[in-house]
Protein backbone atom coordinates (compact mmCIF):
# COMPACT_ATOMS: atom_id res chain seq x y z
CA MET A 1 0.00 0.00 0.00
CA ASN A 2 1.18 3.51 -0.75
CA GLU A 3 2.33 5.70 2.09
CA LEU A 4 -0.47 8.04 3.11
CA PRO A 5 0.24 11.77 3.42
CA GLU A 6 -0.05 13.73 6.63
CA LYS A 7 -3.54 14.86 7.51
CA SER A 8 -4.51 18.28 6.24
CA CYS A 9 -7.36 18.54 8.74
CA SER A 10 -8.82 16.60 11.67
CA ILE A 11 -11.46 13.87 11.59
CA GLU A 12 -13.85 16.20 13.44
CA ARG A 13 -14.02 18.33 10.27
CA LEU A 14 -14.74 15.41 7.90
CA VAL A 15 -18.54 15.73 7.93
CA THR A 16 -19.77 19.07 9.27
CA ILE A 17 -22.71 20.27 7.13
CA PRO A 18 -25.84 19.54 9.23
CA GLU A 19 -27.72 18.01 6.26
CA ASP A 20 -24.75 15.69 5.59
CA VAL A 21 -24.52 14.71 9.27
CA GLN A 22 -28.20 13.69 9.11
CA LYS A 23 -27.57 11.68 5.92
CA VAL A 24 -24.76 9.79 7.68
CA LEU A 25 -26.92 9.14 10.74
CA ARG A 26 -29.72 7.79 8.49
CA GLY A 27 -27.27 5.57 6.59
CA GLU A 28 -27.74 7.52 3.34
CA LYS A 29 -24.14 8.80 3.19
CA THR A 30 -21.21 6.39 3.57
CA ALA A 31 -18.44 8.38 1.89
CA THR A 32 -17.12 11.91 1.65
CA ARG A 33 -14.53 13.49 -0.63
CA ARG A 34 -12.06 16.12 0.47
CA ASN A 35 -9.08 17.91 -1.04
CA GLY A 36 -6.90 16.49 1.72
CA VAL A 37 -6.70 13.64 4.20
CA TYR A 38 -8.96 14.16 7.23
CA ALA A 39 -8.85 10.64 8.66
CA TYR A 40 -7.00 7.35 8.26
CA PRO A 41 -8.54 3.87 8.03
CA ASP A 42 -9.68 2.48 11.40
CA GLU A 43 -10.07 5.95 12.94
CA ILE A 44 -13.42 6.67 14.60
CA MET A 45 -15.60 9.64 13.70
CA ILE A 46 -18.31 10.61 16.20
CA LEU A 47 -21.46 12.32 14.93
CA ASP A 48 -24.27 13.14 17.34
CA GLY A 49 -22.86 10.59 19.81
CA LYS A 50 -22.76 7.77 17.23
CA LYS A 51 -19.50 6.18 16.09
CA PHE A 52 -18.41 5.58 12.50
CA LYS A 53 -15.23 3.79 11.46
CA ILE A 54 -13.17 4.94 8.50
CA ASP A 55 -13.05 1.84 6.29
CA LYS A 56 -11.14 3.07 3.25
CA LEU A 57 -9.08 6.05 2.15
CA TYR A 58 -8.04 6.45 -1.46
CA LYS A 59 -7.42 9.03 -4.16
CA GLN A 60 -9.79 9.55 -7.06
CA THR A 61 -10.17 12.15 -9.79
CA LEU A 62 -13.39 14.06 -10.26
CA GLY A 63 -13.65 12.49 -13.71
CA GLU A 64 -13.73 9.00 -12.15
CA ILE A 65 -16.77 9.71 -9.95
CA THR A 66 -19.80 7.67 -11.07
CA ASP A 67 -23.48 7.69 -10.13
CA GLU A 68 -22.68 4.82 -7.73
CA HIS A 69 -20.09 6.99 -5.95
CA ALA A 70 -22.58 9.88 -5.80
CA VAL A 71 -25.13 7.63 -4.10
CA LYS A 72 -22.52 6.81 -1.40
CA GLU A 73 -22.18 10.59 -0.95
CA GLY A 74 -25.94 10.79 -0.32
CA TYR A 75 -27.05 12.07 -3.75
CA ALA A 76 -29.32 10.57 -6.43
CA ASN A 77 -26.68 10.77 -9.16
CA MET A 78 -23.39 12.28 -10.26
CA GLU A 79 -24.91 15.49 -11.66
CA GLU A 80 -26.76 16.21 -8.40
CA TYR A 81 -23.53 15.63 -6.45
CA LYS A 82 -21.53 17.86 -8.82
CA GLN A 83 -24.06 20.71 -8.58
CA SER A 84 -24.05 20.45 -4.77
CA ILE A 85 -20.24 20.69 -4.64
CA LEU A 86 -20.17 23.63 -7.05
CA ALA A 87 -22.85 25.40 -4.96
CA LEU A 88 -20.66 24.95 -1.85
CA HIS A 89 -17.51 26.11 -3.68
CA PRO A 90 -18.72 28.70 -6.24
CA LYS A 91 -15.24 29.65 -7.46
CA MET A 92 -14.06 26.05 -7.88
CA PRO A 93 -13.83 24.76 -11.43
CA TRP A 94 -14.93 21.13 -11.92
CA LEU A 95 -11.81 19.67 -13.51
CA PRO A 96 -12.02 15.95 -14.41
CA GLN A 97 -8.29 15.51 -13.66
CA MET A 98 -8.51 17.11 -10.19
CA SER A 99 -7.75 14.59 -7.42
CA VAL A 100 -9.67 14.24 -4.19
CA TRP A 101 -9.34 11.92 -1.19
CA VAL A 102 -12.26 9.55 -0.66
CA HIS A 103 -13.07 8.64 2.94
CA GLU A 104 -15.48 5.69 3.17
CA PHE A 105 -17.02 4.88 6.55
CA SER A 106 -19.55 2.66 8.28
CA PRO A 107 -21.38 2.67 11.61
CA VAL A 108 -19.68 1.01 14.57
CA THR A 109 -21.92 -1.50 16.28
CA ASP A 110 -20.83 -1.94 19.89
């Protein structure tokens, strides 16, 4: 496995938008993409008192994102996901070659 870079932010900042937090809690969102690394595999994220384990961390380009990936992000399809991201980051161009870090997670059952 490739060496992972240093974190650019903390796991507490991985999922912060209230609507996204609710999607995670309802099981509708099981992945999030960031420009940097916010968490490593096996780390625990706590949202509203519930624990979620980071299962996978990998790089992906925006051009590689499919409808299936968008569903894991909590959206109906890729276009809906793209429009949501562009609304959050109005000055950001959507460049197919731009890389992001994918953090996939699942609920921890005690």
